[in-house]
PDB file of all heavy atoms in Angstrom:
ATOM      1  N   GLU A   1    -142.409 133.823  71.451  1.00  0.00           N
ATOM      2  CA  GLU A   1    -142.346 132.824  72.525  1.00  0.00           C
ATOM      3  C   GLU A   1    -141.716 133.380  73.812  1.00  0.00           C
ATOM      4  O   GLU A   1    -142.327 133.316  74.885  1.00  0.00           O
ATOM      5  CB  GLU A   1    -141.613 131.567  72.052  1.00  0.00           C
ATOM      6  CG  GLU A   1    -141.981 131.063  70.658  1.00  0.00           C
ATOM      7  CD  GLU A   1    -143.412 130.563  70.533  1.00  0.00           C
ATOM      8  OE1 GLU A   1    -144.134 130.522  71.531  1.00  0.00           O
ATOM      9  OE2 GLU A   1    -143.810 130.200  69.409  1.00  0.00           O
ATOM     10  N   PRO A   2    -140.486 133.925  73.759  1.00  0.00           N
ATOM     11  CA  PRO A   2    -139.934 134.506  74.987  1.00  0.00           C
ATOM     12  C   PRO A   2    -140.665 135.762  75.438  1.00  0.00           C
ATOM     13  O   PRO A   2    -140.729 136.042  76.640  1.00  0.00           O
ATOM     14  CB  PRO A   2    -138.470 134.802  74.629  1.00  0.00           C
ATOM     15  CG  PRO A   2    -138.430 134.849  73.147  1.00  0.00           C
ATOM     16  CD  PRO A   2    -139.485 133.907  72.667  1.00  0.00           C
ATOM     17  N   GLU A   3    -141.218 136.525  74.501  1.00  0.00           N
ATOM     18  CA  GLU A   3    -141.946 137.737  74.885  1.00  0.00           C
ATOM     19  C   GLU A   3    -143.180 137.384  75.715  1.00  0.00           C
ATOM     20  O   GLU A   3    -143.392 137.940  76.801  1.00  0.00           O
ATOM     21  CB  GLU A   3    -142.373 138.537  73.656  1.00  0.00           C
ATOM     22  CG  GLU A   3    -143.152 139.796  74.022  1.00  0.00           C
ATOM     23  CD  GLU A   3    -143.721 140.552  72.839  1.00  0.00           C
ATOM     24  OE1 GLU A   3    -143.652 140.044  71.710  1.00  0.00           O
ATOM     25  OE2 GLU A   3    -144.250 141.666  73.049  1.00  0.00           O
ATOM     26  N   ILE A   4    -144.018 136.489  75.218  1.00  0.00           N
ATOM     27  CA  ILE A   4    -145.237 136.144  75.953  1.00  0.00           C
ATOM     28  C   ILE A   4    -144.904 135.475  77.272  1.00  0.00           C
ATOM     29  O   ILE A   4    -145.589 135.682  78.277  1.00  0.00           O
ATOM     30  CB  ILE A   4    -146.161 135.252  75.092  1.00  0.00           C
ATOM     31  CG1 ILE A   4    -147.573 135.189  75.690  1.00  0.00           C
ATOM     32  CG2 ILE A   4    -145.602 133.845  74.924  1.00  0.00           C
ATOM     33  CD1 ILE A   4    -148.398 136.403  75.523  1.00  0.00           C
ATOM     34  N   THR A   5    -143.824 134.688  77.293  1.00  0.00           N
ATOM     35  CA  THR A   5    -143.435 134.016  78.535  1.00  0.00           C
ATOM     36  C   THR A   5    -143.019 135.038  79.588  1.00  0.00           C
ATOM     37  O   THR A   5    -143.410 134.937  80.761  1.00  0.00           O
ATOM     38  CB  THR A   5    -142.299 133.012  78.265  1.00  0.00           C
ATOM     39  OG1 THR A   5    -142.744 132.046  77.295  1.00  0.00           O
ATOM     40  CG2 THR A   5    -141.889 132.296  79.540  1.00  0.00           C
ATOM     41  N   ALA A   6    -142.231 136.023  79.191  1.00  0.00           N
ATOM     42  CA  ALA A   6    -141.827 137.076  80.125  1.00  0.00           C
ATOM     43  C   ALA A   6    -143.036 137.828  80.659  1.00  0.00           C
ATOM     44  O   ALA A   6    -143.111 138.147  81.859  1.00  0.00           O
ATOM     45  CB  ALA A   6    -140.862 138.040  79.444  1.00  0.00           C
ATOM     46  N   LYS A   7    -144.010 138.065  79.804  1.00  0.00           N
ATOM     47  CA  LYS A   7    -145.148 138.894  80.208  1.00  0.00           C
ATOM     48  C   LYS A   7    -146.145 138.134  81.076  1.00  0.00           C
ATOM     49  O   LYS A   7    -146.725 138.731  81.995  1.00  0.00           O
ATOM     50  CB  LYS A   7    -145.792 139.504  78.964  1.00  0.00           C
ATOM     51  CG  LYS A   7    -144.856 140.548  78.349  1.00  0.00           C
ATOM     52  CD  LYS A   7    -145.383 141.213  77.090  1.00  0.00           C
ATOM     53  CE  LYS A   7    -144.390 142.285  76.639  1.00  0.00           C
ATOM     54  NZ  LYS A   7    -144.819 142.984  75.409  1.00  0.00           N
ATOM     55  N   VAL A   8    -146.349 136.840  80.829  1.00  0.00           N
ATOM     56  CA  VAL A   8    -147.229 136.097  81.737  1.00  0.00           C
ATOM     57  C   VAL A   8    -146.537 135.890  83.085  1.00  0.00           C
ATOM     58  O   VAL A   8    -147.196 135.848  84.139  1.00  0.00           O
ATOM     59  CB  VAL A   8    -147.700 134.749  81.140  1.00  0.00           C
ATOM     60  CG1 VAL A   8    -148.534 134.974  79.899  1.00  0.00           C
ATOM     61  CG2 VAL A   8    -146.558 133.802  80.865  1.00  0.00           C
ATOM     62  N   ALA A   9    -145.210 135.802  83.077  1.00  0.00           N
ATOM     63  CA  ALA A   9    -144.484 135.682  84.348  1.00  0.00           C
ATOM     64  C   ALA A   9    -144.637 136.959  85.173  1.00  0.00           C
ATOM     65  O   ALA A   9    -144.837 136.903  86.391  1.00  0.00           O
ATOM     66  CB  ALA A   9    -143.007 135.394  84.082  1.00  0.00           C
ATOM     67  N   LYS A  10    -144.549 138.122  84.525  1.00  0.00           N
ATOM     68  CA  LYS A  10    -144.695 139.395  85.238  1.00  0.00           C
ATOM     69  C   LYS A  10    -146.096 139.567  85.811  1.00  0.00           C
ATOM     70  O   LYS A  10    -146.284 140.249  86.824  1.00  0.00           O
ATOM     71  CB  LYS A  10    -144.349 140.558  84.306  1.00  0.00           C
ATOM     72  CG  LYS A  10    -142.863 140.674  83.993  1.00  0.00           C
ATOM     73  CD  LYS A  10    -142.577 141.852  83.072  1.00  0.00           C
ATOM     74  CE  LYS A  10    -141.084 141.968  82.791  1.00  0.00           C
ATOM     75  NZ  LYS A  10    -140.773 143.098  81.883  1.00  0.00           N
ATOM     76  N   LEU A  11    -147.089 138.939  85.164  1.00  0.00           N
ATOM     77  CA  LEU A  11    -148.462 139.015  85.660  1.00  0.00           C
ATOM     78  C   LEU A  11    -148.728 138.034  86.803  1.00  0.00           C
ATOM     79  O   LEU A  11    -149.831 138.014  87.354  1.00  0.00           O
ATOM     80  CB  LEU A  11    -149.444 138.721  84.517  1.00  0.00           C
ATOM     81  CG  LEU A  11    -149.590 139.800  83.447  1.00  0.00           C
ATOM     82  CD1 LEU A  11    -150.500 139.303  82.329  1.00  0.00           C
ATOM     83  CD2 LEU A  11    -150.132 141.093  84.041  1.00  0.00           C
ATOM     84  N   LYS A  12    -147.710 137.234  87.156  1.00  0.00           N
ATOM     85  CA  LYS A  12    -147.849 136.237  88.226  1.00  0.00           C
ATOM     86  C   LYS A  12    -148.963 135.230  87.898  1.00  0.00           C
ATOM     87  O   LYS A  12    -149.731 134.816  88.783  1.00  0.00           O
ATOM     88  CB  LYS A  12    -148.122 136.895  89.580  1.00  0.00           C
ATOM     89  CG  LYS A  12    -147.120 137.971  89.974  1.00  0.00           C
ATOM     90  CD  LYS A  12    -145.716 137.422  90.121  1.00  0.00           C
ATOM     91  CE  LYS A  12    -144.733 138.496  90.573  1.00  0.00           C
ATOM     92  NZ  LYS A  12    -143.339 137.999  90.630  1.00  0.00           N
ATOM     93  N   CYS A  13    -149.059 134.869  86.625  1.00  0.00           N
ATOM     94  CA  CYS A  13    -150.081 133.904  86.210  1.00  0.00           C
ATOM     95  C   CYS A  13    -149.800 132.532  86.804  1.00  0.00           C
ATOM     96  O   CYS A  13    -148.644 132.167  87.046  1.00  0.00           O
ATOM     97  CB  CYS A  13    -150.097 133.786  84.683  1.00  0.00           C
ATOM     98  SG  CYS A  13    -150.612 135.279  83.836  1.00  0.00           S
ATOM     99  N   ARG A  14    -150.855 131.783  86.987  1.00  0.00           N
ATOM    100  CA  ARG A  14    -150.727 130.374  87.366  1.00  0.00           C
ATOM    101  C   ARG A  14    -150.469 129.584  86.090  1.00  0.00           C
ATOM    102  O   ARG A  14    -151.349 129.452  85.251  1.00  0.00           O
ATOM    103  CB  ARG A  14    -151.988 129.884  88.060  1.00  0.00           C
ATOM    104  CG  ARG A  14    -152.322 130.627  89.355  1.00  0.00           C
ATOM    105  CD  ARG A  14    -153.704 130.237  89.851  1.00  0.00           C
ATOM    106  NE  ARG A  14    -154.734 130.584  88.873  1.00  0.00           N
ATOM    107  CZ  ARG A  14    -155.999 130.158  88.922  1.00  0.00           C
ATOM    108  NH1 ARG A  14    -156.386 129.348  89.900  1.00  0.00           N
ATOM    109  NH2 ARG A  14    -156.870 130.529  87.995  1.00  0.00           N
ATOM    110  N   ILE A  15    -149.237 129.088  85.935  1.00  0.00           N
ATOM    111  CA  ILE A  15    -148.815 128.432  84.700  1.00  0.00           C
ATOM    112  C   ILE A  15    -148.624 126.943  84.956  1.00  0.00           C
ATOM    113  O   ILE A  15    -147.956 126.552  85.917  1.00  0.00           O
ATOM    114  CB  ILE A  15    -147.506 129.041  84.172  1.00  0.00           C
ATOM    115  CG1 ILE A  15    -147.658 130.561  83.992  1.00  0.00           C
ATOM    116  CG2 ILE A  15    -147.095 128.377  82.863  1.00  0.00           C
ATOM    117  CD1 ILE A  15    -146.356 131.272  83.693  1.00  0.00           C
ATOM    118  N   TYR A  16    -149.215 126.138  84.101  1.00  0.00           N
ATOM    119  CA  TYR A  16    -149.038 124.688  84.161  1.00  0.00           C
ATOM    120  C   TYR A  16    -148.415 124.202  82.865  1.00  0.00           C
ATOM    121  O   TYR A  16    -148.563 124.839  81.807  1.00  0.00           O
ATOM    122  CB  TYR A  16    -150.383 123.981  84.365  1.00  0.00           C
ATOM    123  CG  TYR A  16    -150.788 123.823  85.810  1.00  0.00           C
ATOM    124  CD1 TYR A  16    -151.070 124.942  86.586  1.00  0.00           C
ATOM    125  CD2 TYR A  16    -150.881 122.564  86.403  1.00  0.00           C
ATOM    126  CE1 TYR A  16    -151.446 124.819  87.917  1.00  0.00           C
ATOM    127  CE2 TYR A  16    -151.260 122.427  87.726  1.00  0.00           C
ATOM    128  CZ  TYR A  16    -151.537 123.558  88.475  1.00  0.00           C
ATOM    129  OH  TYR A  16    -151.903 123.413  89.795  1.00  0.00           O
ATOM    130  N   GLU A  17    -147.722 123.062  82.927  1.00  0.00           N
ATOM    131  CA  GLU A  17    -147.246 122.367  81.747  1.00  0.00           C
ATOM    132  C   GLU A  17    -147.939 121.008  81.640  1.00  0.00           C
ATOM    133  O   GLU A  17    -148.198 120.352  82.650  1.00  0.00           O
ATOM    134  CB  GLU A  17    -145.736 122.133  81.799  1.00  0.00           C
ATOM    135  CG  GLU A  17    -144.906 123.345  81.492  1.00  0.00           C
ATOM    136  CD  GLU A  17    -143.425 123.013  81.342  1.00  0.00           C
ATOM    137  OE1 GLU A  17    -142.869 122.382  82.263  1.00  0.00           O
ATOM    138  OE2 GLU A  17    -142.841 123.372  80.324  1.00  0.00           O
ATOM    139  N   VAL A  18    -148.209 120.596  80.412  1.00  0.00           N
ATOM    140  CA  VAL A  18    -148.769 119.278  80.129  1.00  0.00           C
ATOM    141  C   VAL A  18    -147.885 118.629  79.067  1.00  0.00           C
ATOM    142  O   VAL A  18    -147.592 119.246  78.039  1.00  0.00           O
ATOM    143  CB  VAL A  18    -150.219 119.388  79.603  1.00  0.00           C
ATOM    144  CG1 VAL A  18    -150.742 118.015  79.164  1.00  0.00           C
ATOM    145  CG2 VAL A  18    -151.132 119.986  80.673  1.00  0.00           C
ATOM    146  N   GLY A  19    -147.449 117.419  79.298  1.00  0.00           N
ATOM    147  CA  GLY A  19    -146.634 116.718  78.316  1.00  0.00           C
ATOM    148  C   GLY A  19    -147.424 116.419  77.050  1.00  0.00           C
ATOM    149  O   GLY A  19    -148.587 116.011  77.117  1.00  0.00           O
ATOM    150  N   ILE A  20    -146.803 116.643  75.905  1.00  0.00           N
ATOM    151  CA  ILE A  20    -147.458 116.402  74.620  1.00  0.00           C
ATOM    152  C   ILE A  20    -146.544 115.562  73.728  1.00  0.00           C
ATOM    153  O   ILE A  20    -145.327 115.489  73.939  1.00  0.00           O
ATOM    154  CB  ILE A  20    -147.795 117.718  73.891  1.00  0.00           C
ATOM    155  CG1 ILE A  20    -146.523 118.555  73.671  1.00  0.00           C
ATOM    156  CG2 ILE A  20    -148.853 118.511  74.650  1.00  0.00           C
ATOM    157  CD1 ILE A  20    -146.695 119.733  72.744  1.00  0.00           C
ATOM    158  N   SER A  21    -147.138 114.953  72.711  1.00  0.00           N
ATOM    159  CA  SER A  21    -146.345 114.282  71.688  1.00  0.00           C
ATOM    160  C   SER A  21    -145.830 115.335  70.702  1.00  0.00           C
ATOM    161  O   SER A  21    -146.292 116.480  70.691  1.00  0.00           O
ATOM    162  CB  SER A  21    -147.187 113.238  70.956  1.00  0.00           C
ATOM    163  OG  SER A  21    -148.293 113.852  70.321  1.00  0.00           O
ATOM    164  N   TYR A  22    -144.881 114.930  69.856  1.00  0.00           N
ATOM    165  CA  TYR A  22    -144.302 115.885  68.923  1.00  0.00           C
ATOM    166  C   TYR A  22    -143.815 115.160  67.683  1.00  0.00           C
ATOM    167  O   TYR A  22    -143.088 114.172  67.781  1.00  0.00           O
ATOM    168  CB  TYR A  22    -143.145 116.639  69.586  1.00  0.00           C
ATOM    169  CG  TYR A  22    -142.495 117.684  68.701  1.00  0.00           C
ATOM    170  CD1 TYR A  22    -143.228 118.769  68.228  1.00  0.00           C
ATOM    171  CD2 TYR A  22    -141.153 117.586  68.349  1.00  0.00           C
ATOM    172  CE1 TYR A  22    -142.637 119.735  67.420  1.00  0.00           C
ATOM    173  CE2 TYR A  22    -140.553 118.551  67.550  1.00  0.00           C
ATOM    174  CZ  TYR A  22    -141.301 119.617  67.084  1.00  0.00           C
ATOM    175  OH  TYR A  22    -140.720 120.568  66.288  1.00  0.00           O
ATOM    176  N   SER A  23    -144.235 115.642  66.522  1.00  0.00           N
ATOM    177  CA  SER A  23    -143.812 115.056  65.248  1.00  0.00           C
ATOM    178  C   SER A  23    -143.147 116.146  64.417  1.00  0.00           C
ATOM    179  O   SER A  23    -143.739 116.730  63.515  1.00  0.00           O
ATOM    180  CB  SER A  23    -145.021 114.472  64.503  1.00  0.00           C
ATOM    181  OG  SER A  23    -144.634 113.899  63.275  1.00  0.00           O
ATOM    182  N   GLY A  24    -141.903 116.451  64.768  1.00  0.00           N
ATOM    183  CA  GLY A  24    -141.195 117.563  64.136  1.00  0.00           C
ATOM    184  C   GLY A  24    -140.930 117.336  62.657  1.00  0.00           C
ATOM    185  O   GLY A  24    -140.872 116.202  62.180  1.00  0.00           O
ATOM    186  N   ARG A  25    -140.765 118.451  61.941  1.00  0.00           N
ATOM    187  CA  ARG A  25    -140.458 118.400  60.514  1.00  0.00           C
ATOM    188  C   ARG A  25    -138.986 118.713  60.270  1.00  0.00           C
ATOM    189  O   ARG A  25    -138.352 119.419  61.059  1.00  0.00           O
ATOM    190  CB  ARG A  25    -141.299 119.411  59.734  1.00  0.00           C
ATOM    191  CG  ARG A  25    -142.769 119.160  59.764  1.00  0.00           C
ATOM    192  CD  ARG A  25    -143.495 120.035  58.761  1.00  0.00           C
ATOM    193  NE  ARG A  25    -143.371 121.467  59.034  1.00  0.00           N
ATOM    194  CZ  ARG A  25    -143.937 122.408  58.295  1.00  0.00           C
ATOM    195  NH1 ARG A  25    -144.640 122.067  57.222  1.00  0.00           N
ATOM    196  NH2 ARG A  25    -143.805 123.685  58.601  1.00  0.00           N
ATOM    197  N   THR A  26    -138.457 118.213  59.162  1.00  0.00           N
ATOM    198  CA  THR A  26    -137.139 118.624  58.708  1.00  0.00           C
ATOM    199  C   THR A  26    -137.288 119.939  57.939  1.00  0.00           C
ATOM    200  O   THR A  26    -138.390 120.351  57.584  1.00  0.00           O
ATOM    201  CB  THR A  26    -136.515 117.571  57.782  1.00  0.00           C
ATOM    202  OG1 THR A  26    -137.306 117.477  56.581  1.00  0.00           O
ATOM    203  CG2 THR A  26    -136.461 116.209  58.467  1.00  0.00           C
ATOM    204  N   TYR A  27    -136.152 120.575  57.651  1.00  0.00           N
ATOM    205  CA  TYR A  27    -136.208 121.796  56.843  1.00  0.00           C
ATOM    206  C   TYR A  27    -136.685 121.482  55.426  1.00  0.00           C
ATOM    207  O   TYR A  27    -137.360 122.300  54.798  1.00  0.00           O
ATOM    208  CB  TYR A  27    -134.847 122.495  56.827  1.00  0.00           C
ATOM    209  CG  TYR A  27    -134.551 123.161  58.150  1.00  0.00           C
ATOM    210  CD1 TYR A  27    -133.716 122.560  59.085  1.00  0.00           C
ATOM    211  CD2 TYR A  27    -135.144 124.374  58.481  1.00  0.00           C
ATOM    212  CE1 TYR A  27    -133.466 123.164  60.311  1.00  0.00           C
ATOM    213  CE2 TYR A  27    -134.896 124.991  59.701  1.00  0.00           C
ATOM    214  CZ  TYR A  27    -134.056 124.369  60.616  1.00  0.00           C
ATOM    215  OH  TYR A  27    -133.822 124.964  61.826  1.00  0.00           O
ATOM    216  N   GLN A  28    -136.354 120.290  54.935  1.00  0.00           N
ATOM    217  CA  GLN A  28    -136.824 119.885  53.617  1.00  0.00           C
ATOM    218  C   GLN A  28    -138.352 119.718  53.603  1.00  0.00           C
ATOM    219  O   GLN A  28    -138.997 119.906  52.572  1.00  0.00           O
ATOM    220  CB  GLN A  28    -136.160 118.569  53.192  1.00  0.00           C
ATOM    221  CG  GLN A  28    -134.666 118.679  52.911  1.00  0.00           C
ATOM    222  CD  GLN A  28    -133.825 118.802  54.177  1.00  0.00           C
ATOM    223  OE1 GLN A  28    -134.259 118.403  55.258  1.00  0.00           O
ATOM    224  NE2 GLN A  28    -132.625 119.361  54.039  1.00  0.00           N
ATOM    225  N   GLU A  29    -138.920 119.396  54.755  1.00  0.00           N
ATOM    226  CA  GLU A  29    -140.364 119.216  54.859  1.00  0.00           C
ATOM    227  C   GLU A  29    -141.106 120.519  55.158  1.00  0.00           C
ATOM    228  O   GLU A  29    -142.333 120.526  55.212  1.00  0.00           O
ATOM    229  CB  GLU A  29    -140.674 118.180  55.956  1.00  0.00           C
ATOM    230  CG  GLU A  29    -140.224 116.766  55.599  1.00  0.00           C
ATOM    231  CD  GLU A  29    -140.289 115.807  56.777  1.00  0.00           C
ATOM    232  OE1 GLU A  29    -140.112 116.255  57.934  1.00  0.00           O
ATOM    233  OE2 GLU A  29    -140.508 114.610  56.541  1.00  0.00           O
ATOM    234  N   GLY A  30    -140.359 121.597  55.367  1.00  0.00           N
ATOM    235  CA  GLY A  30    -141.027 122.884  55.531  1.00  0.00           C
ATOM    236  C   GLY A  30    -140.776 123.607  56.839  1.00  0.00           C
ATOM    237  O   GLY A  30    -141.383 124.655  57.087  1.00  0.00           O
ATOM    238  N   LYS A  31    -139.889 123.094  57.690  1.00  0.00           N
ATOM    239  CA  LYS A  31    -139.604 123.787  58.956  1.00  0.00           C
ATOM    240  C   LYS A  31    -139.022 125.168  58.657  1.00  0.00           C
ATOM    241  O   LYS A  31    -138.174 125.310  57.773  1.00  0.00           O
ATOM    242  CB  LYS A  31    -138.631 122.966  59.797  1.00  0.00           C
ATOM    243  CG  LYS A  31    -138.553 123.424  61.235  1.00  0.00           C
ATOM    244  CD  LYS A  31    -137.769 122.419  62.065  1.00  0.00           C
ATOM    245  CE  LYS A  31    -137.905 122.719  63.554  1.00  0.00           C
ATOM    246  NZ  LYS A  31    -139.268 122.484  64.038  1.00  0.00           N
ATOM    247  N   LYS A  32    -139.452 126.182  59.404  1.00  0.00           N
ATOM    248  CA  LYS A  32    -139.098 127.558  59.052  1.00  0.00           C
ATOM    249  C   LYS A  32    -138.161 128.249  60.041  1.00  0.00           C
ATOM    250  O   LYS A  32    -137.431 129.148  59.675  1.00  0.00           O
ATOM    251  CB  LYS A  32    -140.375 128.399  58.904  1.00  0.00           C
ATOM    252  CG  LYS A  32    -141.298 127.890  57.788  1.00  0.00           C
ATOM    253  CD  LYS A  32    -142.542 128.738  57.688  1.00  0.00           C
ATOM    254  CE  LYS A  32    -143.432 128.253  56.549  1.00  0.00           C
ATOM    255  NZ  LYS A  32    -144.042 126.953  56.843  1.00  0.00           N
ATOM    256  N   ILE A  33    -138.184 127.870  61.303  1.00  0.00           N
ATOM    257  CA  ILE A  33    -137.369 128.569  62.297  1.00  0.00           C
ATOM    258  C   ILE A  33    -135.892 128.304  62.034  1.00  0.00           C
ATOM    259  O   ILE A  33    -135.493 127.199  61.658  1.00  0.00           O
ATOM    260  CB  ILE A  33    -137.775 128.147  63.726  1.00  0.00           C
ATOM    261  CG1 ILE A  33    -137.182 129.115  64.748  1.00  0.00           C
ATOM    262  CG2 ILE A  33    -137.386 126.710  64.011  1.00  0.00           C
ATOM    263  CD1 ILE A  33    -137.765 128.946  66.139  1.00  0.00           C
ATOM    264  N   GLY A  34    -135.057 129.334  62.193  1.00  0.00           N
ATOM    265  CA  GLY A  34    -133.638 129.199  61.888  1.00  0.00           C
ATOM    266  C   GLY A  34    -132.744 129.812  62.947  1.00  0.00           C
ATOM    267  O   GLY A  34    -133.202 130.284  63.992  1.00  0.00           O
ATOM    268  N   LEU A  35    -131.444 129.828  62.648  1.00  0.00           N
ATOM    269  CA  LEU A  35    -130.452 130.292  63.607  1.00  0.00           C
ATOM    270  C   LEU A  35    -130.685 131.748  64.005  1.00  0.00           C
ATOM    271  O   LEU A  35    -130.559 132.105  65.180  1.00  0.00           O
ATOM    272  CB  LEU A  35    -129.047 130.122  63.026  1.00  0.00           C
ATOM    273  CG  LEU A  35    -127.873 130.470  63.946  1.00  0.00           C
ATOM    274  CD1 LEU A  35    -127.874 129.585  65.193  1.00  0.00           C
ATOM    275  CD2 LEU A  35    -126.548 130.319  63.185  1.00  0.00           C
ATOM    276  N   LYS A  36    -131.039 132.594  63.039  1.00  0.00           N
ATOM    277  CA  LYS A  36    -131.234 134.009  63.374  1.00  0.00           C
ATOM    278  C   LYS A  36    -132.404 134.189  64.344  1.00  0.00           C
ATOM    279  O   LYS A  36    -132.409 135.121  65.155  1.00  0.00           O
ATOM    280  CB  LYS A  36    -131.452 134.840  62.114  1.00  0.00           C
ATOM    281  CG  LYS A  36    -132.739 134.581  61.368  1.00  0.00           C
ATOM    282  CD  LYS A  36    -132.861 135.508  60.161  1.00  0.00           C
ATOM    283  CE  LYS A  36    -134.165 135.294  59.417  1.00  0.00           C
ATOM    284  NZ  LYS A  36    -134.297 136.203  58.243  1.00  0.00           N
ATOM    285  N   ASP A  37    -133.388 133.266  64.281  1.00  0.00           N
ATOM    286  CA  ASP A  37    -134.492 133.340  65.236  1.00  0.00           C
ATOM    287  C   ASP A  37    -134.013 132.984  66.642  1.00  0.00           C
ATOM    288  O   ASP A  37    -134.541 133.510  67.620  1.00  0.00           O
ATOM    289  CB  ASP A  37    -135.617 132.396  64.810  1.00  0.00           C
ATOM    290  CG  ASP A  37    -136.235 132.812  63.482  1.00  0.00           C
ATOM    291  OD1 ASP A  37    -136.718 133.953  63.399  1.00  0.00           O
ATOM    292  OD2 ASP A  37    -136.218 132.006  62.545  1.00  0.00           O
ATOM    293  N   GLY A  38    -133.024 132.097  66.728  1.00  0.00           N
ATOM    294  CA  GLY A  38    -132.448 131.783  68.030  1.00  0.00           C
ATOM    295  C   GLY A  38    -131.761 132.985  68.650  1.00  0.00           C
ATOM    296  O   GLY A  38    -131.920 133.259  69.848  1.00  0.00           O
TER     297      GLY A  38
END
């Protein structure tokens, strides 16, 4: 995520954001990202 963001920024890409809905999972439900990834 930060790698691709840094690289599209260096390319001076035209970047847009669009608001989306989100239905996050708990770790019990299978969420995988953790503190070490932060």
